[in-house]
Amino acid sequence: MRKRLVLKNKKRFALFVTFIVVIVTSFIFATYVYGYKSGDRENEEGYRRTVMVKSGDTLWDIAEKYAVNTDIRKYIYEIRKINGLDDYTIFPGNILVLPDNR
Protein backbone atom coordinates (compact mmCIF):
# COMPACT_ATOMS: atom_id res chain seq x y z
CA MET A 1 0.00 0.00 0.00
CA ARG A 2 1.38 3.39 -0.99
CA LYS A 3 1.52 6.33 1.29
CA ARG A 4 -0.30 9.31 -0.17
CA LEU A 5 1.67 12.57 -0.42
CA VAL A 6 -0.05 15.65 0.88
CA LEU A 7 1.00 19.21 0.04
CA LYS A 8 1.10 21.00 3.40
CA ASN A 9 2.54 24.39 2.44
CA LYS A 10 1.27 25.62 -0.93
CA LYS A 11 3.13 28.95 -0.74
CA ARG A 12 6.47 27.23 -0.18
CA PHE A 13 5.79 24.86 -3.07
CA ALA A 14 4.85 27.74 -5.39
CA LEU A 15 8.01 29.61 -4.37
CA PHE A 16 10.12 26.50 -5.04
CA VAL A 17 8.59 25.96 -8.50
CA THR A 18 9.07 29.66 -9.34
CA PHE A 19 12.71 29.48 -8.21
CA ILE A 20 13.38 26.42 -10.39
CA VAL A 21 11.75 28.06 -13.42
CA VAL A 22 13.85 31.24 -12.97
CA ILE A 23 17.09 29.24 -12.62
CA VAL A 24 16.40 27.13 -15.71
CA THR A 25 15.36 30.17 -17.77
CA SER A 26 18.47 32.08 -16.69
CA PHE A 27 20.70 29.17 -17.63
CA ILE A 28 19.12 28.82 -21.06
CA PHE A 29 19.37 32.58 -21.70
CA ALA A 30 23.01 32.75 -20.57
CA THR A 31 23.95 29.76 -22.71
CA TYR A 32 22.29 31.27 -25.75
CA VAL A 33 23.69 34.79 -25.36
CA TYR A 34 27.25 33.99 -24.32
CA GLY A 35 27.59 30.80 -26.32
CA TYR A 36 26.53 32.44 -29.57
CA LYS A 37 28.13 35.85 -29.24
CA SER A 38 31.50 34.88 -27.87
CA GLY A 39 32.27 32.19 -30.45
CA ASP A 40 32.72 32.29 -34.17
CA ARG A 41 29.83 33.17 -36.40
CA GLU A 42 29.39 32.66 -40.09
CA ASN A 43 28.67 35.47 -42.52
CA GLU A 44 28.93 35.98 -46.25
CA GLU A 45 32.70 36.54 -46.15
CA GLY A 46 33.51 33.46 -44.10
CA TYR A 47 34.05 32.86 -40.42
CA ARG A 48 34.84 35.77 -38.13
CA ARG A 49 35.47 35.91 -34.43
CA THR A 50 33.31 38.10 -32.19
CA VAL A 51 34.48 39.67 -28.96
CA MET A 52 32.52 41.22 -26.10
CA VAL A 53 34.17 44.42 -24.90
CA LYS A 54 35.05 44.37 -21.20
CA SER A 55 35.60 47.33 -18.91
CA GLY A 56 38.98 48.94 -19.65
CA ASP A 57 39.33 47.41 -23.13
CA THR A 58 40.51 49.57 -26.01
CA LEU A 59 40.62 48.86 -29.72
CA TRP A 60 44.40 48.78 -29.47
CA ASP A 61 44.30 46.09 -26.74
CA ILE A 62 41.86 43.97 -28.73
CA ALA A 63 43.92 44.37 -31.92
CA GLU A 64 47.14 43.41 -30.09
CA LYS A 65 45.48 40.25 -28.81
CA TYR A 66 43.88 39.06 -32.08
CA ALA A 67 45.98 40.52 -34.92
CA VAL A 68 48.38 37.88 -36.19
CA ASN A 69 51.15 38.98 -38.57
CA THR A 70 49.19 42.17 -39.30
CA ASP A 71 49.88 45.83 -38.68
CA ILE A 72 47.80 46.75 -35.62
CA ARG A 73 46.73 50.09 -37.10
CA LYS A 74 45.35 48.37 -40.21
CA TYR A 75 43.62 45.80 -38.02
CA ILE A 76 41.97 48.56 -35.96
CA TYR A 77 40.87 50.25 -39.19
CA GLU A 78 39.25 46.97 -40.31
CA ILE A 79 37.52 46.52 -36.93
CA ARG A 80 36.07 50.03 -37.21
CA LYS A 81 35.01 49.46 -40.83
CA ILE A 82 33.32 46.09 -40.17
CA ASN A 83 31.47 47.31 -37.06
CA GLY A 84 30.50 50.72 -38.45
CA LEU A 85 32.39 52.65 -35.76
CA ASP A 86 32.80 56.38 -36.50
CA ASP A 87 35.54 56.83 -33.91
CA TYR A 88 37.63 54.80 -31.49
CA THR A 89 35.10 54.80 -28.65
CA ILE A 90 33.86 51.39 -27.47
CA PHE A 91 31.83 50.55 -24.40
CA PRO A 92 31.70 47.51 -22.10
CA GLY A 93 29.15 45.05 -23.42
CA ASN A 94 29.65 45.98 -27.09
CA ILE A 95 30.01 43.00 -29.41
CA LEU A 96 32.74 43.54 -32.00
CA VAL A 97 33.20 41.43 -35.11
CA LEU A 98 36.90 40.96 -35.82
CA PRO A 99 38.47 40.68 -39.29
CA ASP A 100 39.86 37.41 -40.62
CA ASN A 101 43.58 36.81 -40.12
CA ARG A 102 44.23 35.37 -43.55
PDB file of N, CA and C in Angstrom:
ATOM      1  N   MET A   1       0.830  -1.164   0.000  1.00  0.00           N
ATOM      2  CA  MET A   1       0.000   0.000   0.000  1.00  0.00           C
ATOM      3  C   MET A   1       0.893   1.252   0.000  1.00  0.00           C
ATOM      4  N   ARG A   2       0.587   2.170  -0.877  1.00  0.00           N
ATOM      5  CA  ARG A   2       1.376   3.391  -0.995  1.00  0.00           C
ATOM      6  C   ARG A   2       0.878   4.460  -0.043  1.00  0.00           C
ATOM      7  N   LYS A   3       1.860   5.217   0.428  1.00  0.00           N
ATOM      8  CA  LYS A   3       1.515   6.335   1.286  1.00  0.00           C
ATOM      9  C   LYS A   3       1.210   7.533   0.393  1.00  0.00           C
ATOM     10  N   ARG A   4       0.128   8.185   0.645  1.00  0.00           N
ATOM     11  CA  ARG A   4      -0.301   9.315  -0.170  1.00  0.00           C
ATOM     12  C   ARG A   4       0.428  10.577   0.269  1.00  0.00           C
ATOM     13  N   LEU A   5       0.971  11.330  -0.718  1.00  0.00           N
ATOM     14  CA  LEU A   5       1.671  12.574  -0.423  1.00  0.00           C
ATOM     15  C   LEU A   5       0.671  13.719  -0.343  1.00  0.00           C
ATOM     16  N   VAL A   6       0.854  14.524   0.669  1.00  0.00           N
ATOM     17  CA  VAL A   6      -0.049  15.648   0.885  1.00  0.00           C
ATOM     18  C   VAL A   6       0.784  16.935   0.866  1.00  0.00           C
ATOM     19  N   LEU A   7       0.330  17.922   0.111  1.00  0.00           N
ATOM     20  CA  LEU A   7       0.998  19.213   0.042  1.00  0.00           C
ATOM     21  C   LEU A   7       0.539  20.055   1.232  1.00  0.00           C
ATOM     22  N   LYS A   8       1.469  20.300   2.166  1.00  0.00           N
ATOM     23  CA  LYS A   8       1.097  20.996   3.398  1.00  0.00           C
ATOM     24  C   LYS A   8       1.270  22.509   3.286  1.00  0.00           C
ATOM     25  N   ASN A   9       2.273  22.961   2.534  1.00  0.00           N
ATOM     26  CA  ASN A   9       2.536  24.391   2.444  1.00  0.00           C
ATOM     27  C   ASN A   9       2.541  24.794   0.968  1.00  0.00           C
ATOM     28  N   LYS A  10       1.416  25.288   0.492  1.00  0.00           N
ATOM     29  CA  LYS A  10       1.270  25.624  -0.929  1.00  0.00           C
ATOM     30  C   LYS A  10       2.136  26.817  -1.323  1.00  0.00           C
ATOM     31  N   LYS A  11       2.307  27.776  -0.431  1.00  0.00           N
ATOM     32  CA  LYS A  11       3.134  28.947  -0.737  1.00  0.00           C
ATOM     33  C   LYS A  11       4.592  28.549  -0.923  1.00  0.00           C
ATOM     34  N   ARG A  12       5.079  27.689  -0.060  1.00  0.00           N
ATOM     35  CA  ARG A  12       6.469  27.235  -0.179  1.00  0.00           C
ATOM     36  C   ARG A  12       6.674  26.450  -1.474  1.00  0.00           C
ATOM     37  N   PHE A  13       5.710  25.622  -1.834  1.00  0.00           N
ATOM     38  CA  PHE A  13       5.793  24.858  -3.067  1.00  0.00           C
ATOM     39  C   PHE A  13       5.791  25.786  -4.280  1.00  0.00           C
ATOM     40  N   ALA A  14       4.913  26.783  -4.290  1.00  0.00           N
ATOM     41  CA  ALA A  14       4.846  27.740  -5.390  1.00  0.00           C
ATOM     42  C   ALA A  14       6.163  28.514  -5.493  1.00  0.00           C
ATOM     43  N   LEU A  15       6.737  28.904  -4.372  1.00  0.00           N
ATOM     44  CA  LEU A  15       8.014  29.609  -4.370  1.00  0.00           C
ATOM     45  C   LEU A  15       9.124  28.712  -4.929  1.00  0.00           C
ATOM     46  N   PHE A  16       9.127  27.458  -4.549  1.00  0.00           N
ATOM     47  CA  PHE A  16      10.123  26.503  -5.035  1.00  0.00           C
ATOM     48  C   PHE A  16      10.007  26.324  -6.555  1.00  0.00           C
ATOM     49  N   VAL A  17       8.802  26.145  -7.058  1.00  0.00           N
ATOM     50  CA  VAL A  17       8.595  25.964  -8.499  1.00  0.00           C
ATOM     51  C   VAL A  17       9.018  27.225  -9.249  1.00  0.00           C
ATOM     52  N   THR A  18       8.670  28.399  -8.730  1.00  0.00           N
ATOM     53  CA  THR A  18       9.073  29.660  -9.345  1.00  0.00           C
ATOM     54  C   THR A  18      10.590  29.780  -9.381  1.00  0.00           C
ATOM     55  N   PHE A  19      11.252  29.430  -8.290  1.00  0.00           N
ATOM     56  CA  PHE A  19      12.709  29.480  -8.212  1.00  0.00           C
ATOM     57  C   PHE A  19      13.340  28.572  -9.265  1.00  0.00           C
ATOM     58  N   ILE A  20      12.848  27.371  -9.405  1.00  0.00           N
ATOM     59  CA  ILE A  20      13.381  26.422 -10.386  1.00  0.00           C
ATOM     60  C   ILE A  20      13.187  26.960 -11.806  1.00  0.00           C
ATOM     61  N   VAL A  21      12.024  27.520 -12.096  1.00  0.00           N
ATOM     62  CA  VAL A  21      11.753  28.063 -13.424  1.00  0.00           C
ATOM     63  C   VAL A  21      12.705  29.223 -13.725  1.00  0.00           C
ATOM     64  N   VAL A  22      12.949  30.106 -12.766  1.00  0.00           N
ATOM     65  CA  VAL A  22      13.855  31.243 -12.966  1.00  0.00           C
ATOM     66  C   VAL A  22      15.278  30.753 -13.209  1.00  0.00           C
ATOM     67  N   ILE A  23      15.737  29.781 -12.446  1.00  0.00           N
ATOM     68  CA  ILE A  23      17.088  29.241 -12.620  1.00  0.00           C
ATOM     69  C   ILE A  23      17.246  28.606 -14.001  1.00  0.00           C
ATOM     70  N   VAL A  24      16.319  27.795 -14.409  1.00  0.00           N
ATOM     71  CA  VAL A  24      16.400  27.126 -15.715  1.00  0.00           C
ATOM     72  C   VAL A  24      16.348  28.151 -16.845  1.00  0.00           C
ATOM     73  N   THR A  25      15.461  29.125 -16.744  1.00  0.00           N
ATOM     74  CA  THR A  25      15.360  30.168 -17.768  1.00  0.00           C
ATOM     75  C   THR A  25      16.647  30.977 -17.847  1.00  0.00           C
ATOM     76  N   SER A  26      17.218  31.330 -16.712  1.00  0.00           N
ATOM     77  CA  SER A  26      18.472  32.085 -16.689  1.00  0.00           C
ATOM     78  C   SER A  26      19.599  31.288 -17.335  1.00  0.00           C
ATOM     79  N   PHE A  27      19.673  30.020 -17.047  1.00  0.00           N
ATOM     80  CA  PHE A  27      20.704  29.169 -17.628  1.00  0.00           C
ATOM     81  C   PHE A  27      20.564  29.089 -19.147  1.00  0.00           C
ATOM     82  N   ILE A  28      19.356  28.905 -19.620  1.00  0.00           N
ATOM     83  CA  ILE A  28      19.124  28.823 -21.064  1.00  0.00           C
ATOM     84  C   ILE A  28      19.483  30.145 -21.728  1.00  0.00           C
ATOM     85  N   PHE A  29      19.069  31.253 -21.144  1.00  0.00           N
ATOM     86  CA  PHE A  29      19.369  32.577 -21.700  1.00  0.00           C
ATOM     87  C   PHE A  29      20.873  32.828 -21.739  1.00  0.00           C
ATOM     88  N   ALA A  30      21.567  32.525 -20.638  1.00  0.00           N
ATOM     89  CA  ALA A  30      23.014  32.752 -20.572  1.00  0.00           C
ATOM     90  C   ALA A  30      23.748  31.882 -21.591  1.00  0.00           C
ATOM     91  N   THR A  31      23.327  30.657 -21.738  1.00  0.00           N
ATOM     92  CA  THR A  31      23.950  29.761 -22.707  1.00  0.00           C
ATOM     93  C   THR A  31      23.752  30.287 -24.126  1.00  0.00           C
ATOM     94  N   TYR A  32      22.565  30.753 -24.419  1.00  0.00           N
ATOM     95  CA  TYR A  32      22.289  31.270 -25.754  1.00  0.00           C
ATOM     96  C   TYR A  32      23.093  32.539 -26.028  1.00  0.00           C
ATOM     97  N   VAL A  33      23.045  33.499 -25.130  1.00  0.00           N
ATOM     98  CA  VAL A  33      23.691  34.794 -25.363  1.00  0.00           C
ATOM     99  C   VAL A  33      25.199  34.647 -25.407  1.00  0.00           C
ATOM    100  N   TYR A  34      25.795  34.063 -24.380  1.00  0.00           N
ATOM    101  CA  TYR A  34      27.248  33.995 -24.320  1.00  0.00           C
ATOM    102  C   TYR A  34      27.819  32.914 -25.226  1.00  0.00           C
ATOM    103  N   GLY A  35      27.114  31.856 -25.432  1.00  0.00           N
ATOM    104  CA  GLY A  35      27.588  30.800 -26.325  1.00  0.00           C
ATOM    105  C   GLY A  35      27.610  31.250 -27.764  1.00  0.00           C
ATOM    106  N   TYR A  36      26.607  31.997 -28.181  1.00  0.00           N
ATOM    107  CA  TYR A  36      26.535  32.437 -29.573  1.00  0.00           C
ATOM    108  C   TYR A  36      27.445  33.627 -29.835  1.00  0.00           C
ATOM    109  N   LYS A  37      27.433  34.605 -28.960  1.00  0.00           N
ATOM    110  CA  LYS A  37      28.132  35.849 -29.239  1.00  0.00           C
ATOM    111  C   LYS A  37      29.614  35.793 -28.963  1.00  0.00           C
ATOM    112  N   SER A  38      30.070  34.889 -28.159  1.00  0.00           N
ATOM    113  CA  SER A  38      31.497  34.875 -27.873  1.00  0.00           C
ATOM    114  C   SER A  38      32.271  33.911 -28.761  1.00  0.00           C
ATOM    115  N   GLY A  39      31.580  33.126 -29.562  1.00  0.00           N
ATOM    116  CA  GLY A  39      32.266  32.192 -30.446  1.00  0.00           C
ATOM    117  C   GLY A  39      32.414  32.757 -31.836  1.00  0.00           C
ATOM    118  N   ASP A  40      32.633  31.876 -32.773  1.00  0.00           N
ATOM    119  CA  ASP A  40      32.718  32.286 -34.169  1.00  0.00           C
ATOM    120  C   ASP A  40      31.321  32.305 -34.754  1.00  0.00           C
ATOM    121  N   ARG A  41      31.110  33.196 -35.703  1.00  0.00           N
ATOM    122  CA  ARG A  41      29.831  33.168 -36.403  1.00  0.00           C
ATOM    123  C   ARG A  41      30.093  33.280 -37.888  1.00  0.00           C
ATOM    124  N   GLU A  42      29.212  32.702 -38.646  1.00  0.00           N
ATOM    125  CA  GLU A  42      29.391  32.662 -40.093  1.00  0.00           C
ATOM    126  C   GLU A  42      28.686  33.850 -40.726  1.00  0.00           C
ATOM    127  N   ASN A  43      29.313  34.438 -41.713  1.00  0.00           N
ATOM    128  CA  ASN A  43      28.668  35.468 -42.515  1.00  0.00           C
ATOM    129  C   ASN A  43      29.079  35.266 -43.962  1.00  0.00           C
ATOM    130  N   GLU A  44      28.688  36.190 -44.826  1.00  0.00           N
ATOM    131  CA  GLU A  44      28.928  35.985 -46.252  1.00  0.00           C
ATOM    132  C   GLU A  44      30.398  35.958 -46.631  1.00  0.00           C
ATOM    133  N   GLU A  45      31.289  36.521 -45.818  1.00  0.00           N
ATOM    134  CA  GLU A  45      32.701  36.543 -46.154  1.00  0.00           C
ATOM    135  C   GLU A  45      33.490  35.404 -45.499  1.00  0.00           C
ATOM    136  N   GLY A  46      32.827  34.557 -44.770  1.00  0.00           N
ATOM    137  CA  GLY A  46      33.512  33.460 -44.101  1.00  0.00           C
ATOM    138  C   GLY A  46      33.305  33.531 -42.606  1.00  0.00           C
ATOM    139  N   TYR A  47      34.174  32.888 -41.871  1.00  0.00           N
ATOM    140  CA  TYR A  47      34.049  32.864 -40.422  1.00  0.00           C
ATOM    141  C   TYR A  47      34.815  34.021 -39.815  1.00  0.00           C
ATOM    142  N   ARG A  48      34.207  34.668 -38.845  1.00  0.00           N
ATOM    143  CA  ARG A  48      34.844  35.767 -38.131  1.00  0.00           C
ATOM    144  C   ARG A  48      34.610  35.573 -36.644  1.00  0.00           C
ATOM    145  N   ARG A  49      35.566  35.997 -35.873  1.00  0.00           N
ATOM    146  CA  ARG A  49      35.472  35.914 -34.428  1.00  0.00           C
ATOM    147  C   ARG A  49      34.750  37.152 -33.903  1.00  0.00           C
ATOM    148  N   THR A  50      33.947  36.972 -32.860  1.00  0.00           N
ATOM    149  CA  THR A  50      33.313  38.098 -32.190  1.00  0.00           C
ATOM    150  C   THR A  50      33.864  38.200 -30.784  1.00  0.00           C
ATOM    151  N   VAL A  51      33.926  39.421 -30.284  1.00  0.00           N
ATOM    152  CA  VAL A  51      34.479  39.673 -28.955  1.00  0.00           C
ATOM    153  C   VAL A  51      33.536  40.610 -28.215  1.00  0.00           C
ATOM    154  N   MET A  52      33.280  40.303 -26.931  1.00  0.00           N
ATOM    155  CA  MET A  52      32.516  41.215 -26.099  1.00  0.00           C
ATOM    156  C   MET A  52      33.502  42.136 -25.382  1.00  0.00           C
ATOM    157  N   VAL A  53      33.290  43.438 -25.512  1.00  0.00           N
ATOM    158  CA  VAL A  53      34.172  44.422 -24.901  1.00  0.00           C
ATOM    159  C   VAL A  53      33.967  44.414 -23.393  1.00  0.00           C
ATOM    160  N   LYS A  54      35.086  44.346 -22.668  1.00  0.00           N
ATOM    161  CA  LYS A  54      35.049  44.373 -21.203  1.00  0.00           C
ATOM    162  C   LYS A  54      35.481  45.753 -20.730  1.00  0.00           C
ATOM    163  N   SER A  55      35.212  46.046 -19.483  1.00  0.00           N
ATOM    164  CA  SER A  55      35.599  47.329 -18.908  1.00  0.00           C
ATOM    165  C   SER A  55      37.111  47.506 -19.007  1.00  0.00           C
ATOM    166  N   GLY A  56      37.551  48.647 -19.509  1.00  0.00           N
ATOM    167  CA  GLY A  56      38.977  48.936 -19.645  1.00  0.00           C
ATOM    168  C   GLY A  56      39.577  48.530 -20.977  1.00  0.00           C
ATOM    169  N   ASP A  57      38.824  47.811 -21.818  1.00  0.00           N
ATOM    170  CA  ASP A  57      39.326  47.407 -23.131  1.00  0.00           C
ATOM    171  C   ASP A  57      39.406  48.614 -24.071  1.00  0.00           C
ATOM    172  N   THR A  58      40.398  48.587 -24.937  1.00  0.00           N
ATOM    173  CA  THR A  58      40.515  49.568 -26.015  1.00  0.00           C
ATOM    174  C   THR A  58      40.653  48.808 -27.323  1.00  0.00           C
ATOM    175  N   LEU A  59      40.439  49.504 -28.419  1.00  0.00           N
ATOM    176  CA  LEU A  59      40.621  48.860 -29.721  1.00  0.00           C
ATOM    177  C   LEU A  59      42.064  48.387 -29.891  1.00  0.00           C
ATOM    178  N   TRP A  60      42.985  49.155 -29.375  1.00  0.00           N
ATOM    179  CA  TRP A  60      44.400  48.781 -29.471  1.00  0.00           C
ATOM    180  C   TRP A  60      44.660  47.464 -28.733  1.00  0.00           C
ATOM    181  N   ASP A  61      44.120  47.331 -27.515  1.00  0.00           N
ATOM    182  CA  ASP A  61      44.300  46.092 -26.740  1.00  0.00           C
ATOM    183  C   ASP A  61      43.713  44.892 -27.475  1.00  0.00           C
ATOM    184  N   ILE A  62      42.520  45.068 -28.015  1.00  0.00           N
ATOM    185  CA  ILE A  62      41.862  43.966 -28.734  1.00  0.00           C
ATOM    186  C   ILE A  62      42.658  43.604 -29.980  1.00  0.00           C
ATOM    187  N   ALA A  63      43.135  44.619 -30.706  1.00  0.00           N
ATOM    188  CA  ALA A  63      43.918  44.365 -31.920  1.00  0.00           C
ATOM    189  C   ALA A  63      45.234  43.663 -31.582  1.00  0.00           C
ATOM    190  N   GLU A  64      45.890  44.067 -30.492  1.00  0.00           N
ATOM    191  CA  GLU A  64      47.138  43.406 -30.089  1.00  0.00           C
ATOM    192  C   GLU A  64      46.910  41.923 -29.799  1.00  0.00           C
ATOM    193  N   LYS A  65      45.764  41.633 -29.201  1.00  0.00           N
ATOM    194  CA  LYS A  65      45.476  40.251 -28.814  1.00  0.00           C
ATOM    195  C   LYS A  65      45.141  39.363 -30.022  1.00  0.00           C
ATOM    196  N   TYR A  66      44.405  39.898 -30.998  1.00  0.00           N
ATOM    197  CA  TYR A  66      43.883  39.064 -32.078  1.00  0.00           C
ATOM    198  C   TYR A  66      44.564  39.249 -33.434  1.00  0.00           C
ATOM    199  N   ALA A  67      45.320  40.315 -33.631  1.00  0.00           N
ATOM    200  CA  ALA A  67      45.985  40.524 -34.920  1.00  0.00           C
ATOM    201  C   ALA A  67      47.219  39.631 -35.002  1.00  0.00           C
ATOM    202  N   VAL A  68      47.256  38.789 -36.002  1.00  0.00           N
ATOM    203  CA  VAL A  68      48.383  37.885 -36.193  1.00  0.00           C
ATOM    204  C   VAL A  68      49.076  38.265 -37.495  1.00  0.00           C
ATOM    205  N   ASN A  69      50.364  38.597 -37.394  1.00  0.00           N
ATOM    206  CA  ASN A  69      51.154  38.984 -38.567  1.00  0.00           C
ATOM    207  C   ASN A  69      50.489  40.104 -39.372  1.00  0.00           C
ATOM    208  N   THR A  70      49.878  41.048 -38.669  1.00  0.00           N
ATOM    209  CA  THR A  70      49.191  42.165 -39.304  1.00  0.00           C
ATOM    210  C   THR A  70      49.552  43.444 -38.567  1.00  0.00           C
ATOM    211  N   ASP A  71      49.656  44.541 -39.298  1.00  0.00           N
ATOM    212  CA  ASP A  71      49.876  45.834 -38.680  1.00  0.00           C
ATOM    213  C   ASP A  71      48.654  46.177 -37.820  1.00  0.00           C
ATOM    214  N   ILE A  72      48.893  46.504 -36.572  1.00  0.00           N
ATOM    215  CA  ILE A  72      47.801  46.746 -35.619  1.00  0.00           C
ATOM    216  C   ILE A  72      46.921  47.905 -36.085  1.00  0.00           C
ATOM    217  N   ARG A  73      47.520  48.944 -36.642  1.00  0.00           N
ATOM    218  CA  ARG A  73      46.731  50.086 -37.098  1.00  0.00           C
ATOM    219  C   ARG A  73      45.779  49.688 -38.220  1.00  0.00           C
ATOM    220  N   LYS A  74      46.222  48.846 -39.134  1.00  0.00           N
ATOM    221  CA  LYS A  74      45.348  48.371 -40.212  1.00  0.00           C
ATOM    222  C   LYS A  74      44.244  47.478 -39.647  1.00  0.00           C
ATOM    223  N   TYR A  75      44.595  46.689 -38.650  1.00  0.00           N
ATOM    224  CA  TYR A  75      43.617  45.800 -38.021  1.00  0.00           C
ATOM    225  C   TYR A  75      42.526  46.620 -37.319  1.00  0.00           C
ATOM    226  N   ILE A  76      42.942  47.681 -36.625  1.00  0.00           N
ATOM    227  CA  ILE A  76      41.974  48.562 -35.960  1.00  0.00           C
ATOM    228  C   ILE A  76      41.075  49.225 -37.007  1.00  0.00           C
ATOM    229  N   TYR A  77      41.659  49.657 -38.114  1.00  0.00           N
ATOM    230  CA  TYR A  77      40.866  50.249 -39.191  1.00  0.00           C
ATOM    231  C   TYR A  77      39.815  49.260 -39.691  1.00  0.00           C
ATOM    232  N   GLU A  78      40.194  47.997 -39.862  1.00  0.00           N
ATOM    233  CA  GLU A  78      39.253  46.967 -40.315  1.00  0.00           C
ATOM    234  C   GLU A  78      38.157  46.720 -39.279  1.00  0.00           C
ATOM    235  N   ILE A  79      38.523  46.699 -37.987  1.00  0.00           N
ATOM    236  CA  ILE A  79      37.517  46.521 -36.930  1.00  0.00           C
ATOM    237  C   ILE A  79      36.488  47.651 -37.012  1.00  0.00           C
ATOM    238  N   ARG A  80      36.975  48.876 -37.137  1.00  0.00           N
ATOM    239  CA  ARG A  80      36.067  50.026 -37.209  1.00  0.00           C
ATOM    240  C   ARG A  80      35.180  49.942 -38.451  1.00  0.00           C
ATOM    241  N   LYS A  81      35.746  49.548 -39.563  1.00  0.00           N
ATOM    242  CA  LYS A  81      35.009  49.455 -40.825  1.00  0.00           C
ATOM    243  C   LYS A  81      33.917  48.383 -40.749  1.00  0.00           C
ATOM    244  N   ILE A  82      34.269  47.201 -40.257  1.00  0.00           N
ATOM    245  CA  ILE A  82      33.316  46.089 -40.172  1.00  0.00           C
ATOM    246  C   ILE A  82      32.168  46.404 -39.225  1.00  0.00           C
ATOM    247  N   ASN A  83      32.475  47.051 -38.092  1.00  0.00           N
ATOM    248  CA  ASN A  83      31.472  47.306 -37.058  1.00  0.00           C
ATOM    249  C   ASN A  83      30.780  48.660 -37.199  1.00  0.00           C
ATOM    250  N   GLY A  84      31.154  49.434 -38.217  1.00  0.00           N
ATOM    251  CA  GLY A  84      30.503  50.720 -38.445  1.00  0.00           C
ATOM    252  C   GLY A  84      30.796  51.746 -37.359  1.00  0.00           C
ATOM    253  N   LEU A  85      32.012  51.702 -36.810  1.00  0.00           N
ATOM    254  CA  LEU A  85      32.389  52.654 -35.765  1.00  0.00           C
ATOM    255  C   LEU A  85      32.898  53.938 -36.413  1.00  0.00           C
ATOM    256  N   ASP A  86      32.368  55.089 -35.974  1.00  0.00           N
ATOM    257  CA  ASP A  86      32.805  56.379 -36.502  1.00  0.00           C
ATOM    258  C   ASP A  86      34.094  56.853 -35.848  1.00  0.00           C
ATOM    259  N   ASP A  87      34.314  56.428 -34.602  1.00  0.00           N
ATOM    260  CA  ASP A  87      35.537  56.830 -33.910  1.00  0.00           C
ATOM    261  C   ASP A  87      36.080  55.630 -33.140  1.00  0.00           C
ATOM    262  N   TYR A  88      36.959  55.888 -32.215  1.00  0.00           N
ATOM    263  CA  TYR A  88      37.629  54.805 -31.491  1.00  0.00           C
ATOM    264  C   TYR A  88      36.968  54.475 -30.162  1.00  0.00           C
ATOM    265  N   THR A  89      35.779  54.995 -29.919  1.00  0.00           N
ATOM    266  CA  THR A  89      35.097  54.799 -28.648  1.00  0.00           C
ATOM    267  C   THR A  89      34.332  53.480 -28.658  1.00  0.00           C
ATOM    268  N   ILE A  90      34.614  52.635 -27.679  1.00  0.00           N
ATOM    269  CA  ILE A  90      33.862  51.392 -27.474  1.00  0.00           C
ATOM    270  C   ILE A  90      33.442  51.343 -26.014  1.00  0.00           C
ATOM    271  N   PHE A  91      32.383  50.616 -25.736  1.00  0.00           N
ATOM    272  CA  PHE A  91      31.827  50.548 -24.396  1.00  0.00           C
ATOM    273  C   PHE A  91      31.734  49.098 -23.933  1.00  0.00           C
ATOM    274  N   PRO A  92      31.861  48.875 -22.621  1.00  0.00           N
ATOM    275  CA  PRO A  92      31.701  47.515 -22.102  1.00  0.00           C
ATOM    276  C   PRO A  92      30.340  46.943 -22.512  1.00  0.00           C
ATOM    277  N   GLY A  93      30.371  45.705 -22.970  1.00  0.00           N
ATOM    278  CA  GLY A  93      29.149  45.045 -23.420  1.00  0.00           C
ATOM    279  C   GLY A  93      28.972  45.076 -24.930  1.00  0.00           C
ATOM    280  N   ASN A  94      29.702  45.958 -25.615  1.00  0.00           N
ATOM    281  CA  ASN A  94      29.646  45.980 -27.085  1.00  0.00           C
ATOM    282  C   ASN A  94      30.151  44.650 -27.632  1.00  0.00           C
ATOM    283  N   ILE A  95      29.553  44.198 -28.711  1.00  0.00           N
ATOM    284  CA  ILE A  95      30.013  43.003 -29.406  1.00  0.00           C
ATOM    285  C   ILE A  95      30.703  43.470 -30.687  1.00  0.00           C
ATOM    286  N   LEU A  96      31.982  43.154 -30.821  1.00  0.00           N
ATOM    287  CA  LEU A  96      32.742  43.543 -32.004  1.00  0.00           C
ATOM    288  C   LEU A  96      33.030  42.322 -32.863  1.00  0.00           C
ATOM    289  N   VAL A  97      32.814  42.462 -34.166  1.00  0.00           N
ATOM    290  CA  VAL A  97      33.195  41.425 -35.115  1.00  0.00           C
ATOM    291  C   VAL A  97      34.618  41.749 -35.558  1.00  0.00           C
ATOM    292  N   LEU A  98      35.497  40.767 -35.471  1.00  0.00           N
ATOM    293  CA  LEU A  98      36.904  40.964 -35.818  1.00  0.00           C
ATOM    294  C   LEU A  98      37.193  40.460 -37.223  1.00  0.00           C
ATOM    295  N   PRO A  99      38.120  41.111 -37.920  1.00  0.00           N
ATOM    296  CA  PRO A  99      38.468  40.676 -39.285  1.00  0.00           C
ATOM    297  C   PRO A  99      39.175  39.314 -39.278  1.00  0.00           C
ATOM    298  N   ASP A 100      39.117  38.665 -40.433  1.00  0.00           N
ATOM    299  CA  ASP A 100      39.856  37.406 -40.615  1.00  0.00           C
ATOM    300  C   ASP A 100      41.357  37.688 -40.560  1.00  0.00           C
ATOM    301  N   ASN A 101      42.119  36.698 -40.140  1.00  0.00           N
ATOM    302  CA  ASN A 101      43.579  36.815 -40.116  1.00  0.00           C
ATOM    303  C   ASN A 101      44.187  35.981 -41.233  1.00  0.00           C
ATOM    304  N   ARG A 102      43.726  36.167 -42.432  1.00  0.00           N
ATOM    305  CA  ARG A 102      44.230  35.366 -43.551  1.00  0.00           C
ATOM    306  C   ARG A 102      45.214  36.112 -44.365  1.00  0.00           C
TER     307      ARG A 102
END
